[in-house]
């Protein structure tokens, strides 16, 4: 993952396994690692409507079977960042 990030000239790696990406090693390549929950929350702070729109698009793609908003958010919460899903629940009417 680090090699791909360097090749892509990225400045961040989004990963759940922060322990596998030590900050001192990443810093040598001008990279940092961020947990998906923190990344999504930061994106919401930057452009909340865009993140809500992206979540709505992801839910709309769930067609076999289609998911209710609650099913969609529950599924995200089981597999993804809990703090950002909690924040998205406040926008359930838009999803």
PDB file of N, CA and C in Angstrom:
ATOM      1  N   UNK A   1       0.822  -1.188   0.000  1.00  0.00           N
ATOM      2  CA  UNK A   1       0.000   0.000   0.000  1.00  0.00           C
ATOM      3  C   UNK A   1       0.872   1.261   0.000  1.00  0.00           C
ATOM      4  N   UNK A   2       1.948   1.222   0.738  1.00  0.00           N
ATOM      5  CA  UNK A   2       2.825   2.391   0.797  1.00  0.00           C
ATOM      6  C   UNK A   2       3.433   2.665  -0.576  1.00  0.00           C
ATOM      7  N   UNK A   3       3.870   1.625  -1.257  1.00  0.00           N
ATOM      8  CA  UNK A   3       4.460   1.803  -2.589  1.00  0.00           C
ATOM      9  C   UNK A   3       3.443   2.411  -3.551  1.00  0.00           C
ATOM     10  N   UNK A   4       2.214   1.952  -3.489  1.00  0.00           N
ATOM     11  CA  UNK A   4       1.171   2.504  -4.364  1.00  0.00           C
ATOM     12  C   UNK A   4       0.916   3.969  -4.040  1.00  0.00           C
ATOM     13  N   UNK A   5       0.896   4.303  -2.762  1.00  0.00           N
ATOM     14  CA  UNK A   5       0.676   5.695  -2.358  1.00  0.00           C
ATOM     15  C   UNK A   5       1.815   6.590  -2.827  1.00  0.00           C
ATOM     16  N   UNK A   6       3.045   6.096  -2.721  1.00  0.00           N
ATOM     17  CA  UNK A   6       4.201   6.868  -3.190  1.00  0.00           C
ATOM     18  C   UNK A   6       4.103   7.065  -4.695  1.00  0.00           C
ATOM     19  N   UNK A   7       3.821   5.992  -5.416  1.00  0.00           N
ATOM     20  CA  UNK A   7       3.709   6.060  -6.869  1.00  0.00           C
ATOM     21  C   UNK A   7       2.599   7.039  -7.301  1.00  0.00           C
ATOM     22  N   UNK A   8       1.507   7.033  -6.563  1.00  0.00           N
ATOM     23  CA  UNK A   8       0.372   7.911  -6.891  1.00  0.00           C
ATOM     24  C   UNK A   8       0.572   9.341  -6.378  1.00  0.00           C
ATOM     25  N   UNK A   9       1.676   9.554  -5.671  1.00  0.00           N
ATOM     26  CA  UNK A   9       1.967  10.864  -5.062  1.00  0.00           C
ATOM     27  C   UNK A   9       0.858  11.291  -4.097  1.00  0.00           C
ATOM     28  N   UNK A  10       0.323  10.305  -3.409  1.00  0.00           N
ATOM     29  CA  UNK A  10      -0.706  10.573  -2.401  1.00  0.00           C
ATOM     30  C   UNK A  10      -0.043  11.181  -1.170  1.00  0.00           C
ATOM     31  N   UNK A  11      -0.831  11.798  -0.333  1.00  0.00           N
ATOM     32  CA  UNK A  11      -0.283  12.291   0.919  1.00  0.00           C
ATOM     33  C   UNK A  11      -0.912  11.591   2.122  1.00  0.00           C
ATOM     34  N   UNK A  12      -1.844  10.657   1.841  1.00  0.00           N
ATOM     35  CA  UNK A  12      -2.506   9.960   2.925  1.00  0.00           C
ATOM     36  C   UNK A  12      -2.884   8.547   2.505  1.00  0.00           C
ATOM     37  N   UNK A  13      -2.807   7.654   3.484  1.00  0.00           N
ATOM     38  CA  UNK A  13      -3.303   6.291   3.335  1.00  0.00           C
ATOM     39  C   UNK A  13      -4.464   6.152   4.303  1.00  0.00           C
ATOM     40  N   UNK A  14      -5.604   5.703   3.818  1.00  0.00           N
ATOM     41  CA  UNK A  14      -6.768   5.476   4.671  1.00  0.00           C
ATOM     42  C   UNK A  14      -6.833   3.981   4.940  1.00  0.00           C
ATOM     43  N   UNK A  15      -6.675   3.616   6.218  1.00  0.00           N
ATOM     44  CA  UNK A  15      -6.593   2.203   6.584  1.00  0.00           C
ATOM     45  C   UNK A  15      -7.060   1.976   8.013  1.00  0.00           C
ATOM     46  N   UNK A  16      -7.652   0.814   8.235  1.00  0.00           N
ATOM     47  CA  UNK A  16      -8.020   0.429   9.599  1.00  0.00           C
ATOM     48  C   UNK A  16      -6.801  -0.055  10.373  1.00  0.00           C
ATOM     49  N   UNK A  17      -5.771  -0.501   9.679  1.00  0.00           N
ATOM     50  CA  UNK A  17      -4.605  -1.079  10.339  1.00  0.00           C
ATOM     51  C   UNK A  17      -3.498  -0.034  10.514  1.00  0.00           C
ATOM     52  N   UNK A  18      -3.760   0.932  11.349  1.00  0.00           N
ATOM     53  CA  UNK A  18      -2.792   2.003  11.584  1.00  0.00           C
ATOM     54  C   UNK A  18      -1.486   1.460  12.161  1.00  0.00           C
ATOM     55  N   UNK A  19      -1.564   0.407  12.955  1.00  0.00           N
ATOM     56  CA  UNK A  19      -0.347  -0.153  13.561  1.00  0.00           C
ATOM     57  C   UNK A  19       0.595  -0.726  12.509  1.00  0.00           C
ATOM     58  N   UNK A  20       0.061  -1.082  11.359  1.00  0.00           N
ATOM     59  CA  UNK A  20       0.900  -1.615  10.282  1.00  0.00           C
ATOM     60  C   UNK A  20       1.534  -0.511   9.433  1.00  0.00           C
ATOM     61  N   UNK A  21       1.234   0.737   9.750  1.00  0.00           N
ATOM     62  CA  UNK A  21       1.746   1.878   8.988  1.00  0.00           C
ATOM     63  C   UNK A  21       2.321   2.911   9.951  1.00  0.00           C
ATOM     64  N   UNK A  22       3.492   2.632  10.508  1.00  0.00           N
ATOM     65  CA  UNK A  22       4.090   3.541  11.493  1.00  0.00           C
ATOM     66  C   UNK A  22       4.317   4.945  10.925  1.00  0.00           C
ATOM     67  N   UNK A  23       3.980   5.923  11.732  1.00  0.00           N
ATOM     68  CA  UNK A  23       4.084   7.324  11.312  1.00  0.00           C
ATOM     69  C   UNK A  23       5.504   7.707  10.906  1.00  0.00           C
ATOM     70  N   UNK A  24       6.505   7.187  11.601  1.00  0.00           N
ATOM     71  CA  UNK A  24       7.890   7.576  11.272  1.00  0.00           C
ATOM     72  C   UNK A  24       8.301   7.067   9.887  1.00  0.00           C
ATOM     73  N   UNK A  25       7.847   5.884   9.529  1.00  0.00           N
ATOM     74  CA  UNK A  25       8.155   5.360   8.193  1.00  0.00           C
ATOM     75  C   UNK A  25       7.387   6.124   7.125  1.00  0.00           C
ATOM     76  N   UNK A  26       6.118   6.389   7.389  1.00  0.00           N
ATOM     77  CA  UNK A  26       5.311   7.136   6.418  1.00  0.00           C
ATOM     78  C   UNK A  26       5.859   8.543   6.220  1.00  0.00           C
ATOM     79  N   UNK A  27       6.307   9.163   7.299  1.00  0.00           N
ATOM     80  CA  UNK A  27       6.807  10.538   7.216  1.00  0.00           C
ATOM     81  C   UNK A  27       7.998  10.658   6.270  1.00  0.00           C
ATOM     82  N   UNK A  28       8.790   9.600   6.167  1.00  0.00           N
ATOM     83  CA  UNK A  28       9.923   9.610   5.233  1.00  0.00           C
ATOM     84  C   UNK A  28       9.475   9.804   3.791  1.00  0.00           C
ATOM     85  N   UNK A  29       8.237   9.437   3.538  1.00  0.00           N
ATOM     86  CA  UNK A  29       7.677   9.539   2.187  1.00  0.00           C
ATOM     87  C   UNK A  29       6.585  10.606   2.111  1.00  0.00           C
ATOM     88  N   UNK A  30       6.561  11.480   3.105  1.00  0.00           N
ATOM     89  CA  UNK A  30       5.579  12.566   3.164  1.00  0.00           C
ATOM     90  C   UNK A  30       4.154  12.029   3.137  1.00  0.00           C
ATOM     91  N   UNK A  31       3.942  10.933   3.830  1.00  0.00           N
ATOM     92  CA  UNK A  31       2.630  10.302   3.931  1.00  0.00           C
ATOM     93  C   UNK A  31       2.170  10.288   5.377  1.00  0.00           C
ATOM     94  N   UNK A  32       0.885  10.155   5.553  1.00  0.00           N
ATOM     95  CA  UNK A  32       0.323   9.882   6.864  1.00  0.00           C
ATOM     96  C   UNK A  32      -0.793   8.863   6.694  1.00  0.00           C
ATOM     97  N   UNK A  33      -1.092   8.151   7.758  1.00  0.00           N
ATOM     98  CA  UNK A  33      -2.184   7.176   7.737  1.00  0.00           C
ATOM     99  C   UNK A  33      -3.324   7.717   8.581  1.00  0.00           C
ATOM    100  N   UNK A  34      -4.528   7.448   8.126  1.00  0.00           N
ATOM    101  CA  UNK A  34      -5.705   7.907   8.846  1.00  0.00           C
ATOM    102  C   UNK A  34      -6.743   6.792   8.849  1.00  0.00           C
ATOM    103  N   UNK A  35      -7.378   6.597   9.983  1.00  0.00           N
ATOM    104  CA  UNK A  35      -8.440   5.598  10.108  1.00  0.00           C
ATOM    105  C   UNK A  35      -9.631   6.051   9.256  1.00  0.00           C
ATOM    106  N   UNK A  36     -10.343   5.110   8.630  1.00  0.00           N
ATOM    107  CA  UNK A  36     -11.488   5.485   7.793  1.00  0.00           C
ATOM    108  C   UNK A  36     -12.522   6.348   8.521  1.00  0.00           C
ATOM    109  N   UNK A  37     -12.749   6.068   9.797  1.00  0.00           N
ATOM    110  CA  UNK A  37     -13.718   6.859  10.554  1.00  0.00           C
ATOM    111  C   UNK A  37     -13.294   8.322  10.613  1.00  0.00           C
ATOM    112  N   UNK A  38     -12.030   8.552  10.939  1.00  0.00           N
ATOM    113  CA  UNK A  38     -11.526   9.930  11.005  1.00  0.00           C
ATOM    114  C   UNK A  38     -11.551  10.591   9.628  1.00  0.00           C
ATOM    115  N   UNK A  39     -11.202   9.817   8.598  1.00  0.00           N
ATOM    116  CA  UNK A  39     -11.206  10.358   7.239  1.00  0.00           C
ATOM    117  C   UNK A  39     -12.610  10.815   6.839  1.00  0.00           C
ATOM    118  N   UNK A  40     -13.597   9.973   7.065  1.00  0.00           N
ATOM    119  CA  UNK A  40     -14.969  10.329   6.675  1.00  0.00           C
ATOM    120  C   UNK A  40     -15.471  11.517   7.495  1.00  0.00           C
ATOM    121  N   UNK A  41     -15.191  11.514   8.790  1.00  0.00           N
ATOM    122  CA  UNK A  41     -15.610  12.653   9.615  1.00  0.00           C
ATOM    123  C   UNK A  41     -14.949  13.949   9.142  1.00  0.00           C
ATOM    124  N   UNK A  42     -13.673  13.882   8.778  1.00  0.00           N
ATOM    125  CA  UNK A  42     -12.995  15.072   8.253  1.00  0.00           C
ATOM    126  C   UNK A  42     -13.621  15.523   6.938  1.00  0.00           C
ATOM    127  N   UNK A  43     -13.978  14.571   6.093  1.00  0.00           N
ATOM    128  CA  UNK A  43     -14.625  14.925   4.829  1.00  0.00           C
ATOM    129  C   UNK A  43     -15.987  15.573   5.095  1.00  0.00           C
ATOM    130  N   UNK A  44     -16.693  15.058   6.097  1.00  0.00           N
ATOM    131  CA  UNK A  44     -17.985  15.665   6.447  1.00  0.00           C
ATOM    132  C   UNK A  44     -17.796  17.095   6.949  1.00  0.00           C
ATOM    133  N   UNK A  45     -16.714  17.329   7.697  1.00  0.00           N
ATOM    134  CA  UNK A  45     -16.435  18.692   8.166  1.00  0.00           C
ATOM    135  C   UNK A  45     -16.122  19.621   6.990  1.00  0.00           C
ATOM    136  N   UNK A  46     -15.492  19.084   5.959  1.00  0.00           N
ATOM    137  CA  UNK A  46     -15.136  19.887   4.787  1.00  0.00           C
ATOM    138  C   UNK A  46     -16.322  20.125   3.860  1.00  0.00           C
ATOM    139  N   UNK A  47     -17.117  19.068   3.626  1.00  0.00           N
ATOM    140  CA  UNK A  47     -18.225  19.171   2.665  1.00  0.00           C
ATOM    141  C   UNK A  47     -19.291  18.132   2.992  1.00  0.00           C
ATOM    142  N   UNK A  48     -20.052  18.424   4.031  1.00  0.00           N
ATOM    143  CA  UNK A  48     -21.066  17.482   4.507  1.00  0.00           C
ATOM    144  C   UNK A  48     -22.059  17.073   3.422  1.00  0.00           C
ATOM    145  N   UNK A  49     -22.592  18.010   2.631  1.00  0.00           N
ATOM    146  CA  UNK A  49     -23.534  17.601   1.582  1.00  0.00           C
ATOM    147  C   UNK A  49     -22.938  16.602   0.582  1.00  0.00           C
ATOM    148  N   UNK A  50     -21.662  16.744   0.263  1.00  0.00           N
ATOM    149  CA  UNK A  50     -21.032  15.817  -0.684  1.00  0.00           C
ATOM    150  C   UNK A  50     -20.954  14.404  -0.103  1.00  0.00           C
ATOM    151  N   UNK A  51     -20.653  14.294   1.178  1.00  0.00           N
ATOM    152  CA  UNK A  51     -20.565  12.979   1.813  1.00  0.00           C
ATOM    153  C   UNK A  51     -21.947  12.351   1.910  1.00  0.00           C
ATOM    154  N   UNK A  52     -22.938  13.141   2.254  1.00  0.00           N
ATOM    155  CA  UNK A  52     -24.315  12.630   2.322  1.00  0.00           C
ATOM    156  C   UNK A  52     -24.763  12.173   0.939  1.00  0.00           C
ATOM    157  N   UNK A  53     -24.441  12.940  -0.074  1.00  0.00           N
ATOM    158  CA  UNK A  53     -24.771  12.556  -1.447  1.00  0.00           C
ATOM    159  C   UNK A  53     -24.081  11.257  -1.841  1.00  0.00           C
ATOM    160  N   UNK A  54     -22.815  11.106  -1.465  1.00  0.00           N
ATOM    161  CA  UNK A  54     -22.084   9.870  -1.771  1.00  0.00           C
ATOM    162  C   UNK A  54     -22.720   8.682  -1.062  1.00  0.00           C
ATOM    163  N   UNK A  55     -23.128   8.867   0.185  1.00  0.00           N
ATOM    164  CA  UNK A  55     -23.790   7.788   0.926  1.00  0.00           C
ATOM    165  C   UNK A  55     -25.126   7.432   0.269  1.00  0.00           C
ATOM    166  N   UNK A  56     -25.846   8.439  -0.191  1.00  0.00           N
ATOM    167  CA  UNK A  56     -27.129   8.199  -0.874  1.00  0.00           C
ATOM    168  C   UNK A  56     -26.899   7.393  -2.156  1.00  0.00           C
ATOM    169  N   UNK A  57     -25.865   7.728  -2.896  1.00  0.00           N
ATOM    170  CA  UNK A  57     -25.536   7.001  -4.137  1.00  0.00           C
ATOM    171  C   UNK A  57     -25.159   5.553  -3.809  1.00  0.00           C
ATOM    172  N   UNK A  58     -24.365   5.359  -2.764  1.00  0.00           N
ATOM    173  CA  UNK A  58     -23.980   3.989  -2.362  1.00  0.00           C
ATOM    174  C   UNK A  58     -25.206   3.175  -1.982  1.00  0.00           C
ATOM    175  N   UNK A  59     -26.110   3.780  -1.244  1.00  0.00           N
ATOM    176  CA  UNK A  59     -27.335   3.063  -0.861  1.00  0.00           C
ATOM    177  C   UNK A  59     -28.166   2.729  -2.091  1.00  0.00           C
ATOM    178  N   UNK A  60     -28.268   3.654  -3.036  1.00  0.00           N
ATOM    179  CA  UNK A  60     -29.075   3.431  -4.247  1.00  0.00           C
ATOM    180  C   UNK A  60     -28.513   2.283  -5.082  1.00  0.00           C
ATOM    181  N   UNK A  61     -27.232   2.024  -4.976  1.00  0.00           N
ATOM    182  CA  UNK A  61     -26.609   0.936  -5.739  1.00  0.00           C
ATOM    183  C   UNK A  61     -26.921  -0.431  -5.150  1.00  0.00           C
ATOM    184  N   UNK A  62     -27.436  -0.456  -3.949  1.00  0.00           N
ATOM    185  CA  UNK A  62     -27.800  -1.722  -3.296  1.00  0.00           C
ATOM    186  C   UNK A  62     -29.174  -2.151  -3.808  1.00  0.00           C
ATOM    187  N   UNK A  63     -29.189  -2.887  -4.889  1.00  0.00           N
ATOM    188  CA  UNK A  63     -30.478  -3.242  -5.504  1.00  0.00           C
ATOM    189  C   UNK A  63     -30.848  -4.713  -5.345  1.00  0.00           C
ATOM    190  N   UNK A  64     -29.889  -5.564  -4.987  1.00  0.00           N
ATOM    191  CA  UNK A  64     -30.190  -6.997  -4.840  1.00  0.00           C
ATOM    192  C   UNK A  64     -29.712  -7.500  -3.499  1.00  0.00           C
ATOM    193  N   UNK A  65     -30.457  -7.436  -2.480  1.00  0.00           N
ATOM    194  CA  UNK A  65     -31.763  -6.794  -2.383  1.00  0.00           C
ATOM    195  C   UNK A  65     -31.603  -5.306  -2.076  1.00  0.00           C
ATOM    196  N   UNK A  66     -32.618  -4.525  -2.355  1.00  0.00           N
ATOM    197  CA  UNK A  66     -32.552  -3.112  -1.972  1.00  0.00           C
ATOM    198  C   UNK A  66     -32.530  -2.992  -0.442  1.00  0.00           C
ATOM    199  N   UNK A  67     -31.859  -1.981   0.044  1.00  0.00           N
ATOM    200  CA  UNK A  67     -31.753  -1.774   1.484  1.00  0.00           C
ATOM    201  C   UNK A  67     -32.504  -0.526   1.911  1.00  0.00           C
ATOM    202  N   UNK A  68     -33.220  -0.643   3.014  1.00  0.00           N
ATOM    203  CA  UNK A  68     -33.805   0.543   3.629  1.00  0.00           C
ATOM    204  C   UNK A  68     -32.647   1.375   4.182  1.00  0.00           C
ATOM    205  N   UNK A  69     -32.918   2.590   4.567  1.00  0.00           N
ATOM    206  CA  UNK A  69     -31.877   3.439   5.146  1.00  0.00           C
ATOM    207  C   UNK A  69     -31.294   2.765   6.392  1.00  0.00           C
ATOM    208  N   UNK A  70     -32.173   2.230   7.229  1.00  0.00           N
ATOM    209  CA  UNK A  70     -31.709   1.573   8.458  1.00  0.00           C
ATOM    210  C   UNK A  70     -30.829   0.372   8.135  1.00  0.00           C
ATOM    211  N   UNK A  71     -31.227  -0.462   7.187  1.00  0.00           N
ATOM    212  CA  UNK A  71     -30.420  -1.620   6.802  1.00  0.00           C
ATOM    213  C   UNK A  71     -29.063  -1.188   6.254  1.00  0.00           C
ATOM    214  N   UNK A  72     -29.075  -0.156   5.438  1.00  0.00           N
ATOM    215  CA  UNK A  72     -27.838   0.363   4.860  1.00  0.00           C
ATOM    216  C   UNK A  72     -26.890   0.846   5.946  1.00  0.00           C
ATOM    217  N   UNK A  73     -27.401   1.669   6.863  1.00  0.00           N
ATOM    218  CA  UNK A  73     -26.553   2.215   7.920  1.00  0.00           C
ATOM    219  C   UNK A  73     -26.112   1.137   8.902  1.00  0.00           C
ATOM    220  N   UNK A  74     -26.989   0.185   9.211  1.00  0.00           N
ATOM    221  CA  UNK A  74     -26.604  -0.923  10.091  1.00  0.00           C
ATOM    222  C   UNK A  74     -25.481  -1.747   9.458  1.00  0.00           C
ATOM    223  N   UNK A  75     -25.587  -1.978   8.152  1.00  0.00           N
ATOM    224  CA  UNK A  75     -24.540  -2.719   7.447  1.00  0.00           C
ATOM    225  C   UNK A  75     -23.215  -1.976   7.462  1.00  0.00           C
ATOM    226  N   UNK A  76     -23.278  -0.674   7.252  1.00  0.00           N
ATOM    227  CA  UNK A  76     -22.053   0.128   7.323  1.00  0.00           C
ATOM    228  C   UNK A  76     -21.442   0.059   8.715  1.00  0.00           C
ATOM    229  N   UNK A  77     -22.295   0.152   9.706  1.00  0.00           N
ATOM    230  CA  UNK A  77     -21.798   0.175  11.077  1.00  0.00           C
ATOM    231  C   UNK A  77     -21.132  -1.156  11.457  1.00  0.00           C
ATOM    232  N   UNK A  78     -21.634  -2.261  10.918  1.00  0.00           N
ATOM    233  CA  UNK A  78     -21.022  -3.561  11.193  1.00  0.00           C
ATOM    234  C   UNK A  78     -19.636  -3.678  10.565  1.00  0.00           C
ATOM    235  N   UNK A  79     -19.448  -3.023   9.439  1.00  0.00           N
ATOM    236  CA  UNK A  79     -18.207  -3.186   8.684  1.00  0.00           C
ATOM    237  C   UNK A  79     -17.346  -1.945   8.587  1.00  0.00           C
ATOM    238  N   UNK A  80     -17.850  -0.831   8.972  1.00  0.00           N
ATOM    239  CA  UNK A  80     -17.153   0.418   8.725  1.00  0.00           C
ATOM    240  C   UNK A  80     -17.095   1.264   9.988  1.00  0.00           C
ATOM    241  N   UNK A  81     -16.691   2.481   9.850  1.00  0.00           N
ATOM    242  CA  UNK A  81     -16.465   3.380  10.987  1.00  0.00           C
ATOM    243  C   UNK A  81     -17.735   3.763  11.741  1.00  0.00           C
ATOM    244  N   UNK A  82     -17.788   3.479  13.048  1.00  0.00           N
ATOM    245  CA  UNK A  82     -19.005   3.739  13.811  1.00  0.00           C
ATOM    246  C   UNK A  82     -19.321   5.212  14.057  1.00  0.00           C
ATOM    247  N   UNK A  83     -18.294   6.056  14.270  1.00  0.00           N
ATOM    248  CA  UNK A  83     -18.585   7.472  14.552  1.00  0.00           C
ATOM    249  C   UNK A  83     -19.179   8.172  13.338  1.00  0.00           C
ATOM    250  N   UNK A  84     -18.645   7.895  12.164  1.00  0.00           N
ATOM    251  CA  UNK A  84     -19.173   8.550  10.965  1.00  0.00           C
ATOM    252  C   UNK A  84     -20.554   8.010  10.610  1.00  0.00           C
ATOM    253  N   UNK A  85     -20.796   6.717  10.841  1.00  0.00           N
ATOM    254  CA  UNK A  85     -22.135   6.173  10.594  1.00  0.00           C
ATOM    255  C   UNK A  85     -23.129   6.808  11.561  1.00  0.00           C
ATOM    256  N   UNK A  86     -22.715   6.986  12.798  1.00  0.00           N
ATOM    257  CA  UNK A  86     -23.583   7.641  13.778  1.00  0.00           C
ATOM    258  C   UNK A  86     -23.961   9.045  13.300  1.00  0.00           C
ATOM    259  N   UNK A  87     -22.996   9.744  12.763  1.00  0.00           N
ATOM    260  CA  UNK A  87     -23.267  11.097  12.251  1.00  0.00           C
ATOM    261  C   UNK A  87     -24.179  11.048  11.028  1.00  0.00           C
ATOM    262  N   UNK A  88     -23.989  10.044  10.161  1.00  0.00           N
ATOM    263  CA  UNK A  88     -24.854   9.901   8.987  1.00  0.00           C
ATOM    264  C   UNK A  88     -26.288   9.591   9.382  1.00  0.00           C
ATOM    265  N   UNK A  89     -26.485   8.894  10.495  1.00  0.00           N
ATOM    266  CA  UNK A  89     -27.846   8.572  10.940  1.00  0.00           C
ATOM    267  C   UNK A  89     -28.677   9.845  11.132  1.00  0.00           C
ATOM    268  N   UNK A  90     -28.025  10.930  11.462  1.00  0.00           N
ATOM    269  CA  UNK A  90     -28.728  12.203  11.604  1.00  0.00           C
ATOM    270  C   UNK A  90     -29.276  12.739  10.284  1.00  0.00           C
ATOM    271  N   UNK A  91     -28.835  12.160   9.189  1.00  0.00           N
ATOM    272  CA  UNK A  91     -29.277  12.583   7.855  1.00  0.00           C
ATOM    273  C   UNK A  91     -30.052  11.477   7.157  1.00  0.00           C
ATOM    274  N   UNK A  92     -30.626  10.554   7.923  1.00  0.00           N
ATOM    275  CA  UNK A  92     -31.336   9.403   7.358  1.00  0.00           C
ATOM    276  C   UNK A  92     -32.408   9.825   6.361  1.00  0.00           C
ATOM    277  N   UNK A  93     -33.046  10.926   6.602  1.00  0.00           N
ATOM    278  CA  UNK A  93     -34.091  11.408   5.703  1.00  0.00           C
ATOM    279  C   UNK A  93     -33.577  11.776   4.316  1.00  0.00           C
ATOM    280  N   UNK A  94     -32.293  12.013   4.193  1.00  0.00           N
ATOM    281  CA  UNK A  94     -31.700  12.379   2.910  1.00  0.00           C
ATOM    282  C   UNK A  94     -31.057  11.202   2.199  1.00  0.00           C
ATOM    283  N   UNK A  95     -30.989  10.053   2.893  1.00  0.00           N
ATOM    284  CA  UNK A  95     -30.333   8.900   2.310  1.00  0.00           C
ATOM    285  C   UNK A  95     -31.344   8.007   1.612  1.00  0.00           C
TER     286      UNK A  95
END
